[in-house]
């Protein structure tokens, strides 16, 4: 028979399993100042699996990727999709094809 727990007890347990606020600050610094390649990963973008591996390496704490995702959201880091643009894309050609042209102020940027 499973013991009954209140939602508050479960939340306290969830918070106890994660990393400390000091470790979170350190992790944020790692993410914002480094790329995953600095830790031996071949990807240049941070994923929750890579962050979980860095947490294990740096703090010797094992976290499930879903818990990592929740923690990152809670501390203000949200997933971002990279801008997809072909490296061989010609901006003038694509502007002509789409029917829109860039204004002078936009071209100056």
C-alpha atoms as a PDB file:
ATOM      1  CA  UNK A   1       0.000   0.000   0.000  1.00  0.00           C
ATOM      2  CA  UNK A   2       1.408   3.408  -0.988  1.00  0.00           C
ATOM      3  CA  UNK A   3       1.749   5.996   1.744  1.00  0.00           C
ATOM      4  CA  UNK A   4      -0.343   9.105   1.271  1.00  0.00           C
ATOM      5  CA  UNK A   5       1.520  12.381   1.017  1.00  0.00           C
ATOM      6  CA  UNK A   6       0.240  15.891   0.745  1.00  0.00           C
ATOM      7  CA  UNK A   7       1.150  17.971  -2.298  1.00  0.00           C
ATOM      8  CA  UNK A   8       3.317  20.164  -0.064  1.00  0.00           C
ATOM      9  CA  UNK A   9       5.309  17.148   1.132  1.00  0.00           C
ATOM     10  CA  UNK A  10       5.835  16.034  -2.453  1.00  0.00           C
ATOM     11  CA  UNK A  11       6.988  19.535  -3.470  1.00  0.00           C
ATOM     12  CA  UNK A  12       9.405  19.627  -0.503  1.00  0.00           C
ATOM     13  CA  UNK A  13      10.755  16.226  -1.559  1.00  0.00           C
ATOM     14  CA  UNK A  14      11.161  17.417  -5.154  1.00  0.00           C
ATOM     15  CA  UNK A  15      13.082  20.490  -4.006  1.00  0.00           C
ATOM     16  CA  UNK A  16      15.298  18.408  -1.689  1.00  0.00           C
ATOM     17  CA  UNK A  17      16.379  16.137  -4.529  1.00  0.00           C
ATOM     18  CA  UNK A  18      17.649  18.982  -6.773  1.00  0.00           C
ATOM     19  CA  UNK A  19      20.787  21.041  -6.486  1.00  0.00           C
ATOM     20  CA  UNK A  20      21.411  23.826  -3.981  1.00  0.00           C
ATOM     21  CA  UNK A  21      20.925  27.517  -4.866  1.00  0.00           C
ATOM     22  CA  UNK A  22      24.714  27.993  -4.898  1.00  0.00           C
ATOM     23  CA  UNK A  23      25.075  25.090  -7.319  1.00  0.00           C
ATOM     24  CA  UNK A  24      22.265  26.567  -9.445  1.00  0.00           C
ATOM     25  CA  UNK A  25      24.152  29.874  -9.641  1.00  0.00           C
ATOM     26  CA  UNK A  26      27.284  28.018 -10.658  1.00  0.00           C
ATOM     27  CA  UNK A  27      25.340  26.050 -13.279  1.00  0.00           C
ATOM     28  CA  UNK A  28      23.833  29.226 -14.754  1.00  0.00           C
ATOM     29  CA  UNK A  29      27.341  30.693 -15.024  1.00  0.00           C
ATOM     30  CA  UNK A  30      28.552  27.519 -16.752  1.00  0.00           C
ATOM     31  CA  UNK A  31      25.680  27.593 -19.258  1.00  0.00           C
ATOM     32  CA  UNK A  32      25.972  31.298 -20.026  1.00  0.00           C
ATOM     33  CA  UNK A  33      29.757  31.430 -20.358  1.00  0.00           C
ATOM     34  CA  UNK A  34      30.586  28.082 -22.003  1.00  0.00           C
ATOM     35  CA  UNK A  35      29.441  25.885 -24.829  1.00  0.00           C
ATOM     36  CA  UNK A  36      28.813  22.151 -24.382  1.00  0.00           C
ATOM     37  CA  UNK A  37      31.892  21.480 -26.503  1.00  0.00           C
ATOM     38  CA  UNK A  38      33.990  22.722 -23.559  1.00  0.00           C
ATOM     39  CA  UNK A  39      32.730  19.666 -21.664  1.00  0.00           C
ATOM     40  CA  UNK A  40      33.484  17.205 -24.455  1.00  0.00           C
ATOM     41  CA  UNK A  41      30.110  17.184 -26.219  1.00  0.00           C
ATOM     42  CA  UNK A  42      29.966  17.530 -29.979  1.00  0.00           C
ATOM     43  CA  UNK A  43      26.843  19.729 -29.974  1.00  0.00           C
ATOM     44  CA  UNK A  44      27.174  23.494 -29.667  1.00  0.00           C
ATOM     45  CA  UNK A  45      23.713  23.904 -28.123  1.00  0.00           C
ATOM     46  CA  UNK A  46      22.729  23.109 -24.557  1.00  0.00           C
ATOM     47  CA  UNK A  47      20.151  20.345 -24.183  1.00  0.00           C
ATOM     48  CA  UNK A  48      18.611  19.096 -20.976  1.00  0.00           C
ATOM     49  CA  UNK A  49      20.499  15.802 -21.377  1.00  0.00           C
ATOM     50  CA  UNK A  50      23.794  17.670 -21.669  1.00  0.00           C
ATOM     51  CA  UNK A  51      22.922  19.869 -18.679  1.00  0.00           C
ATOM     52  CA  UNK A  52      22.104  16.711 -16.673  1.00  0.00           C
ATOM     53  CA  UNK A  53      25.511  15.274 -17.605  1.00  0.00           C
ATOM     54  CA  UNK A  54      27.265  18.508 -16.568  1.00  0.00           C
ATOM     55  CA  UNK A  55      25.401  18.456 -13.236  1.00  0.00           C
ATOM     56  CA  UNK A  56      26.618  14.893 -12.709  1.00  0.00           C
ATOM     57  CA  UNK A  57      30.199  15.855 -13.627  1.00  0.00           C
ATOM     58  CA  UNK A  58      30.389  19.109 -11.671  1.00  0.00           C
ATOM     59  CA  UNK A  59      28.268  18.320  -8.599  1.00  0.00           C
ATOM     60  CA  UNK A  60      28.061  14.493  -8.568  1.00  0.00           C
ATOM     61  CA  UNK A  61      24.255  14.698  -8.558  1.00  0.00           C
ATOM     62  CA  UNK A  62      22.142  12.595 -10.892  1.00  0.00           C
ATOM     63  CA  UNK A  63      19.049  14.345 -12.205  1.00  0.00           C
ATOM     64  CA  UNK A  64      16.500  13.098 -14.716  1.00  0.00           C
ATOM     65  CA  UNK A  65      16.329  15.302 -17.826  1.00  0.00           C
ATOM     66  CA  UNK A  66      12.686  16.185 -17.043  1.00  0.00           C
ATOM     67  CA  UNK A  67      13.739  17.406 -13.582  1.00  0.00           C
ATOM     68  CA  UNK A  68      16.566  19.388 -15.194  1.00  0.00           C
ATOM     69  CA  UNK A  69      14.045  21.015 -17.514  1.00  0.00           C
ATOM     70  CA  UNK A  70      11.790  21.988 -14.588  1.00  0.00           C
ATOM     71  CA  UNK A  71      14.715  23.343 -12.611  1.00  0.00           C
ATOM     72  CA  UNK A  72      16.036  25.404 -15.531  1.00  0.00           C
ATOM     73  CA  UNK A  73      12.587  26.895 -16.088  1.00  0.00           C
ATOM     74  CA  UNK A  74      12.281  27.681 -12.373  1.00  0.00           C
ATOM     75  CA  UNK A  75      15.599  29.582 -12.368  1.00  0.00           C
ATOM     76  CA  UNK A  76      14.711  31.510 -15.515  1.00  0.00           C
ATOM     77  CA  UNK A  77      16.425  29.594 -18.324  1.00  0.00           C
ATOM     78  CA  UNK A  78      14.000  28.565 -21.045  1.00  0.00           C
ATOM     79  CA  UNK A  79      14.591  26.535 -24.190  1.00  0.00           C
ATOM     80  CA  UNK A  80      15.186  28.572 -27.331  1.00  0.00           C
ATOM     81  CA  UNK A  81      14.972  27.357 -30.876  1.00  0.00           C
ATOM     82  CA  UNK A  82      17.986  28.269 -32.978  1.00  0.00           C
ATOM     83  CA  UNK A  83      17.363  30.532 -35.956  1.00  0.00           C
ATOM     84  CA  UNK A  84      17.289  28.358 -39.030  1.00  0.00           C
ATOM     85  CA  UNK A  85      18.955  29.947 -41.985  1.00  0.00           C
ATOM     86  CA  UNK A  86      20.799  28.256 -44.761  1.00  0.00           C
ATOM     87  CA  UNK A  87      24.433  29.341 -44.792  1.00  0.00           C
ATOM     88  CA  UNK A  88      24.289  29.727 -48.561  1.00  0.00           C
ATOM     89  CA  UNK A  89      21.123  31.850 -48.491  1.00  0.00           C
ATOM     90  CA  UNK A  90      21.311  35.043 -50.545  1.00  0.00           C
ATOM     91  CA  UNK A  91      19.397  37.752 -48.645  1.00  0.00           C
ATOM     92  CA  UNK A  92      18.728  39.900 -51.725  1.00  0.00           C
ATOM     93  CA  UNK A  93      17.415  36.940 -53.657  1.00  0.00           C
ATOM     94  CA  UNK A  94      15.209  35.715 -50.818  1.00  0.00           C
ATOM     95  CA  UNK A  95      13.783  39.232 -50.270  1.00  0.00           C
ATOM     96  CA  UNK A  96      12.949  39.446 -53.983  1.00  0.00           C
ATOM     97  CA  UNK A  97      11.338  36.017 -54.007  1.00  0.00           C
ATOM     98  CA  UNK A  98       9.191  36.698 -50.955  1.00  0.00           C
ATOM     99  CA  UNK A  99       7.931  39.958 -52.442  1.00  0.00           C
ATOM    100  CA  UNK A 100       9.285  42.113 -49.632  1.00  0.00           C
ATOM    101  CA  UNK A 101      12.330  44.310 -49.681  1.00  0.00           C
ATOM    102  CA  UNK A 102      14.309  45.532 -46.717  1.00  0.00           C
ATOM    103  CA  UNK A 103      14.064  49.179 -45.745  1.00  0.00           C
ATOM    104  CA  UNK A 104      17.256  51.228 -45.615  1.00  0.00           C
ATOM    105  CA  UNK A 105      17.277  51.266 -41.818  1.00  0.00           C
ATOM    106  CA  UNK A 106      16.944  47.493 -41.687  1.00  0.00           C
ATOM    107  CA  UNK A 107      19.768  47.095 -44.219  1.00  0.00           C
ATOM    108  CA  UNK A 108      22.040  49.338 -42.156  1.00  0.00           C
ATOM    109  CA  UNK A 109      21.760  46.956 -39.200  1.00  0.00           C
END
